[in-house]
Amino acid sequence: MSLLTNVMDHSLDEGYAEAAARRKAAGDGGLPKPLRAKLGLAAGLVLAALVVTVGAAQARIAAPVVAKEREELIDRIDRETESADELEKKVDQLRDDVSARQRAALKSEGGGEQADLVGILSGAIEVHGPGVKLVVDDAKEADSGAGGDARETSGFSDTGRVRDRDMQRVVNGLWQSGAEAIAINGQRLTALSAIRAAGDAILVDNKPLVPPYTVLAVGDGKRLSDRFQDSADGLYLHALQENFDIRTSISVESDLRLPAAPSVIVRTAQPRTEKGTS
């Protein structure tokens, strides 16, 4: 009987009792872990919902201000764009007026065919006649991200892009082959024209051009074409096509029209003296 009495009086083992006492002392004797996890998740969701609600309210309050600032910025951009367009039109009108005055001065002072020849060679007047149409374009697989220049240093992957010096050689080759006037993408070249590069873009007289580059050259069409293709610069262009997949095409045209140069700058001048005067 004493054993049964002892079991009933001490139903929980002393080890369990000590463990429960330690957990209670450490503060872990409260809610079960699953319930605590659920309460923590609920509290997090409530906090997140509160943050989203506050943010949405603030965004709703600030929306009219942002929209107003956006409209004002758009209006300002439109006004500045219109102003720039007007100034550009005015510049074009003044440039045309200057070119007309230069052509008139050439005719009145030089007179006759000599004045026309000077105007053609200087690019001051529009010209038309037979010639050659040469189209030069980047390779189909041109890679603008490649570094280095494959045509200068071996070991670099070729970008397949037409370079400024390529166009320089093309233009010089056409001049040497007998071209009387040349234009690239509608940009008339003169003795003072410069073909340069800005990154991957080619500039002609500081105006960027985009491929394909259409070169129009007025001259004796068939002879000009044959002489250019047989020249060193023509062979250079052919080598670009064969080795770097640069796309080119050349054709003889019966009538080409080249615009006058935007402006012809006079660098030096001398007073004209009449015959028989000192």
Protein backbone atom coordinates (compact mmCIF):
# COMPACT_ATOMS: atom_id res chain seq x y z
CA MET A 1 0.00 0.00 0.00
CA SER A 2 2.85 2.37 0.72
CA LEU A 3 4.05 2.00 -2.92
CA LEU A 4 0.62 2.87 -4.32
CA THR A 5 0.39 5.82 -1.97
CA ASN A 6 3.81 7.09 -3.10
CA VAL A 7 2.90 6.78 -6.83
CA MET A 8 -0.32 8.72 -6.33
CA ASP A 9 1.34 11.44 -4.30
CA HIS A 10 4.22 11.80 -6.78
CA SER A 11 2.60 11.12 -10.21
CA LEU A 12 5.11 13.41 -12.07
CA ASP A 13 8.71 12.38 -12.12
CA GLU A 14 11.02 14.77 -10.32
CA GLY A 15 13.07 15.32 -13.53
CA TYR A 16 9.99 16.56 -15.39
CA ALA A 17 9.13 18.81 -12.50
CA GLU A 18 12.62 20.33 -12.49
CA ALA A 19 12.52 20.89 -16.28
CA ALA A 20 9.14 22.62 -16.04
CA ALA A 21 10.46 24.82 -13.24
CA ARG A 22 13.50 25.84 -15.31
CA ARG A 23 11.34 26.73 -18.34
CA LYS A 24 9.04 28.76 -16.17
CA ALA A 25 11.99 30.62 -14.67
CA ALA A 26 13.36 31.35 -18.17
CA GLY A 27 10.02 32.73 -19.33
CA ASP A 28 9.29 29.91 -21.79
CA GLY A 29 6.44 28.52 -19.89
CA GLY A 30 3.82 30.78 -21.52
CA LEU A 31 2.04 30.06 -24.76
CA PRO A 32 2.91 27.03 -26.87
CA LYS A 33 5.35 27.61 -29.73
CA PRO A 34 2.82 27.12 -32.59
CA LEU A 35 0.51 29.69 -31.05
CA ARG A 36 3.38 32.14 -30.50
CA ALA A 37 4.44 31.73 -34.15
CA LYS A 38 0.91 32.42 -35.37
CA LEU A 39 0.61 35.49 -33.19
CA GLY A 40 3.99 36.77 -34.46
CA LEU A 41 2.94 36.24 -38.09
CA ALA A 42 -0.35 38.02 -37.47
CA ALA A 43 1.47 40.95 -35.88
CA GLY A 44 3.86 41.14 -38.88
CA LEU A 45 0.94 41.11 -41.33
CA VAL A 46 -0.82 43.86 -39.41
CA LEU A 47 2.38 45.95 -39.40
CA ALA A 48 2.92 45.40 -43.15
CA ALA A 49 -0.69 46.35 -43.89
CA LEU A 50 -0.26 49.47 -41.80
CA VAL A 51 2.89 50.48 -43.70
CA VAL A 52 1.21 49.88 -47.08
CA THR A 53 -1.86 51.84 -46.02
CA VAL A 54 0.21 54.79 -44.83
CA GLY A 55 2.30 54.73 -48.02
CA ALA A 56 -0.79 54.61 -50.22
CA ALA A 57 -2.31 57.51 -48.31
CA GLN A 58 0.84 59.59 -48.68
CA ALA A 59 1.08 58.74 -52.40
CA ARG A 60 -2.55 59.72 -52.87
CA ILE A 61 -1.94 63.02 -51.13
CA ALA A 62 1.23 63.71 -53.16
CA ALA A 63 -0.24 62.56 -56.52
CA PRO A 64 -1.80 65.91 -57.48
CA VAL A 65 1.45 67.74 -56.73
CA VAL A 66 3.52 65.29 -58.77
CA ALA A 67 1.04 65.44 -61.65
CA LYS A 68 1.12 69.22 -61.64
CA GLU A 69 4.93 69.29 -61.63
CA ARG A 70 4.96 66.76 -64.50
CA GLU A 71 2.56 68.87 -66.57
CA GLU A 72 4.63 71.99 -65.94
CA LEU A 73 7.79 70.16 -66.99
CA ILE A 74 6.13 68.88 -70.18
CA ASP A 75 4.88 72.37 -71.01
CA ARG A 76 8.36 73.78 -70.47
CA ILE A 77 9.91 71.12 -72.71
CA ASP A 78 7.34 71.87 -75.43
CA ARG A 79 8.02 75.62 -75.22
CA GLU A 80 11.78 75.16 -75.36
CA THR A 81 11.44 72.72 -78.27
CA GLU A 82 9.32 75.19 -80.23
CA SER A 83 11.81 77.95 -79.48
CA ALA A 84 14.71 75.78 -80.65
CA ASP A 85 12.81 74.88 -83.84
CA GLU A 86 12.17 78.55 -84.57
CA LEU A 87 15.83 79.42 -84.03
CA GLU A 88 16.88 76.56 -86.28
CA LYS A 89 14.55 77.79 -89.02
CA LYS A 90 15.95 81.27 -88.65
CA VAL A 91 19.50 79.94 -88.89
CA ASP A 92 18.60 78.03 -92.05
CA GLN A 93 17.02 81.13 -93.57
CA LEU A 94 20.08 83.24 -92.77
CA ARG A 95 22.38 80.54 -94.12
CA ASP A 96 20.39 80.39 -97.36
CA ASP A 97 20.50 84.18 -97.61
CA VAL A 98 24.28 84.20 -97.13
CA SER A 99 24.72 81.46 -99.73
CA ALA A 100 22.52 83.37 -102.21
CA ARG A 101 24.53 86.53 -101.66
CA GLN A 102 27.78 84.62 -102.16
CA ARG A 103 26.54 83.12 -105.41
CA ALA A 104 25.37 86.52 -106.60
CA ALA A 105 28.75 88.02 -105.72
CA LEU A 106 30.56 85.28 -107.62
CA LYS A 107 28.47 85.88 -110.74
CA SER A 108 28.71 89.65 -110.60
CA GLU A 109 32.43 89.77 -109.89
CA GLY A 110 33.76 86.71 -111.72
CA GLY A 111 31.22 86.55 -114.48
CA GLY A 112 30.24 83.75 -116.86
CA GLU A 113 31.52 80.21 -116.81
CA GLN A 114 34.45 81.04 -114.54
CA ALA A 115 32.07 82.04 -111.78
CA ASP A 116 30.05 78.84 -112.24
CA LEU A 117 33.21 76.76 -112.11
CA VAL A 118 34.35 78.49 -108.93
CA GLY A 119 30.91 77.96 -107.40
CA ILE A 120 30.95 74.24 -108.26
CA LEU A 121 34.46 73.65 -106.97
CA SER A 122 33.82 75.59 -103.76
CA GLY A 123 30.46 73.90 -103.17
CA ALA A 124 28.65 77.24 -103.17
CA ILE A 125 26.05 76.25 -105.77
CA GLU A 126 23.86 73.21 -106.38
CA VAL A 127 25.07 70.88 -109.13
CA HIS A 128 23.58 68.03 -111.14
CA GLY A 129 24.80 65.70 -113.82
CA PRO A 130 26.04 62.15 -114.42
CA GLY A 131 28.17 60.44 -111.86
CA VAL A 132 28.54 57.58 -109.43
CA LYS A 133 26.42 56.44 -106.49
CA LEU A 134 28.40 54.57 -103.86
CA VAL A 135 26.69 53.05 -100.81
CA VAL A 136 28.82 51.92 -97.85
CA ASP A 137 27.20 50.20 -94.86
CA ASP A 138 28.23 48.42 -91.66
CA ALA A 139 28.40 44.66 -91.57
CA LYS A 140 25.17 42.88 -90.68
CA GLU A 141 26.71 41.47 -87.51
CA ALA A 142 28.29 44.77 -86.44
CA ASP A 143 28.99 44.73 -82.71
CA SER A 144 29.10 48.19 -81.14
CA GLY A 145 30.26 46.75 -77.83
CA ALA A 146 33.55 45.30 -79.03
CA GLY A 147 36.67 47.07 -77.92
CA GLY A 148 39.75 47.99 -79.88
CA ASP A 149 40.18 48.42 -83.59
CA ALA A 150 40.76 45.34 -85.71
CA ARG A 151 42.14 47.36 -88.60
CA GLU A 152 44.99 48.74 -86.54
CA THR A 153 45.92 45.99 -84.13
CA SER A 154 45.69 42.25 -84.68
CA GLY A 155 44.06 40.19 -81.99
CA PHE A 156 40.96 42.34 -81.48
CA SER A 157 37.57 41.16 -82.72
CA ASP A 158 36.33 43.34 -85.55
CA THR A 159 33.29 45.48 -84.87
CA GLY A 160 32.23 45.46 -88.52
CA ARG A 161 31.59 49.20 -88.49
CA VAL A 162 32.56 51.74 -91.11
CA ARG A 163 35.13 54.13 -89.65
CA ASP A 164 35.74 57.81 -90.36
CA ARG A 165 39.07 57.03 -91.99
CA ASP A 166 37.31 54.57 -94.28
CA MET A 167 35.06 57.35 -95.53
CA GLN A 168 38.07 59.65 -95.82
CA ARG A 169 39.76 57.18 -98.15
CA VAL A 170 36.59 56.72 -100.17
CA VAL A 171 36.14 60.47 -100.65
CA ASN A 172 39.82 61.07 -101.45
CA GLY A 173 39.74 58.20 -103.94
CA LEU A 174 36.72 59.70 -105.70
CA TRP A 175 38.39 63.14 -105.87
CA GLN A 176 41.52 61.60 -107.34
CA SER A 177 39.46 59.57 -109.82
CA GLY A 178 37.94 62.73 -111.30
CA ALA A 179 34.89 63.62 -109.20
CA GLU A 180 33.82 67.25 -109.60
CA ALA A 181 31.46 67.39 -106.61
CA ILE A 182 30.73 64.97 -103.74
CA ALA A 183 28.04 64.69 -101.09
CA ILE A 184 27.58 62.16 -98.26
CA ASN A 185 24.01 61.56 -97.09
CA GLY A 186 23.05 64.91 -98.60
CA GLN A 187 25.95 66.76 -96.95
CA ARG A 188 27.97 68.57 -99.64
CA LEU A 189 31.73 68.42 -99.26
CA THR A 190 34.05 71.32 -99.89
CA ALA A 191 37.80 71.84 -99.73
CA LEU A 192 37.38 72.70 -96.04
CA SER A 193 35.15 69.75 -95.11
CA ALA A 194 36.28 67.47 -92.29
CA ILE A 195 35.30 63.84 -91.76
CA ARG A 196 35.80 62.90 -88.14
CA ALA A 197 34.52 60.41 -85.58
CA ALA A 198 32.66 60.86 -82.30
CA GLY A 199 32.42 57.45 -80.68
CA ASP A 200 30.82 55.16 -83.26
CA ALA A 201 29.29 58.07 -85.19
CA ILE A 202 30.86 59.67 -88.26
CA LEU A 203 30.75 63.46 -88.44
CA VAL A 204 30.90 65.46 -91.66
CA ASP A 205 31.50 69.12 -90.87
CA ASN A 206 30.41 68.36 -87.28
CA LYS A 207 27.08 66.89 -88.42
CA PRO A 208 26.50 63.25 -87.41
CA LEU A 209 25.60 60.78 -90.14
CA VAL A 210 23.97 57.38 -89.78
CA PRO A 211 24.60 54.31 -91.95
CA PRO A 212 24.17 53.43 -94.70
CA TYR A 213 26.45 56.15 -96.07
CA THR A 214 25.35 57.17 -99.57
CA VAL A 215 28.13 58.94 -101.46
CA LEU A 216 27.13 60.83 -104.60
CA ALA A 217 29.92 61.96 -106.90
CA VAL A 218 29.28 64.03 -110.03
CA GLY A 219 31.62 63.37 -112.94
CA ASP A 220 32.14 61.17 -115.96
CA GLY A 221 30.13 58.26 -114.59
CA LYS A 222 31.63 55.20 -116.28
CA ARG A 223 35.16 56.51 -116.26
CA LEU A 224 34.86 57.71 -112.67
CA SER A 225 33.56 54.31 -111.54
CA ASP A 226 36.31 52.35 -113.32
CA ARG A 227 39.10 54.61 -112.13
CA PHE A 228 37.90 54.54 -108.53
CA GLN A 229 37.52 50.75 -108.39
CA ASP A 230 41.01 50.31 -109.84
CA SER A 231 42.58 52.86 -107.49
CA ALA A 232 44.28 52.06 -104.19
CA ASP A 233 41.31 53.46 -102.26
CA GLY A 234 38.85 51.39 -104.30
CA LEU A 235 40.89 48.27 -103.60
CA TYR A 236 40.97 49.24 -99.92
CA LEU A 237 37.16 49.40 -99.90
CA HIS A 238 37.01 46.03 -101.63
CA ALA A 239 39.33 44.59 -98.95
CA LEU A 240 36.98 45.86 -96.24
CA GLN A 241 34.14 44.07 -97.97
CA GLU A 242 36.07 40.82 -98.30
CA ASN A 243 37.72 40.75 -94.87
CA PHE A 244 35.32 42.61 -92.57
CA ASP A 245 31.93 42.07 -94.28
CA ILE A 246 31.49 45.79 -94.89
CA ARG A 247 28.63 46.09 -97.39
CA THR A 248 29.25 48.23 -100.49
CA SER A 249 27.59 48.84 -103.83
CA ILE A 250 28.51 51.16 -106.68
CA SER A 251 26.46 52.18 -109.70
CA VAL A 252 26.74 54.65 -112.57
CA GLU A 253 23.93 57.22 -112.60
CA SER A 254 22.78 59.39 -115.48
CA ASP A 255 21.69 62.35 -113.35
CA LEU A 256 22.61 63.14 -109.77
CA ARG A 257 21.62 66.24 -107.84
CA LEU A 258 23.89 67.56 -105.10
CA PRO A 259 22.81 70.43 -102.83
CA ALA A 260 24.96 73.45 -102.16
CA ALA A 261 27.09 73.44 -99.05
CA PRO A 262 25.32 74.95 -96.02
CA SER A 263 27.93 77.70 -95.82
CA VAL A 264 31.13 78.57 -97.59
CA ILE A 265 33.69 80.32 -95.40
CA VAL A 266 36.05 82.81 -97.01
CA ARG A 267 39.42 82.55 -95.29
CA THR A 268 41.46 85.04 -97.36
CA ALA A 269 40.56 87.86 -99.73
CA GLN A 270 42.31 90.55 -101.73
CA PRO A 271 40.96 93.77 -103.20
CA ARG A 272 40.42 93.54 -106.92
CA THR A 273 42.42 96.05 -108.98
CA GLU A 274 41.23 97.21 -112.37
CA LYS A 275 43.53 96.82 -115.34
CA GLY A 276 45.63 99.89 -116.04
CA THR A 277 45.44 101.14 -112.46
CA SER A 278 48.23 101.11 -109.97
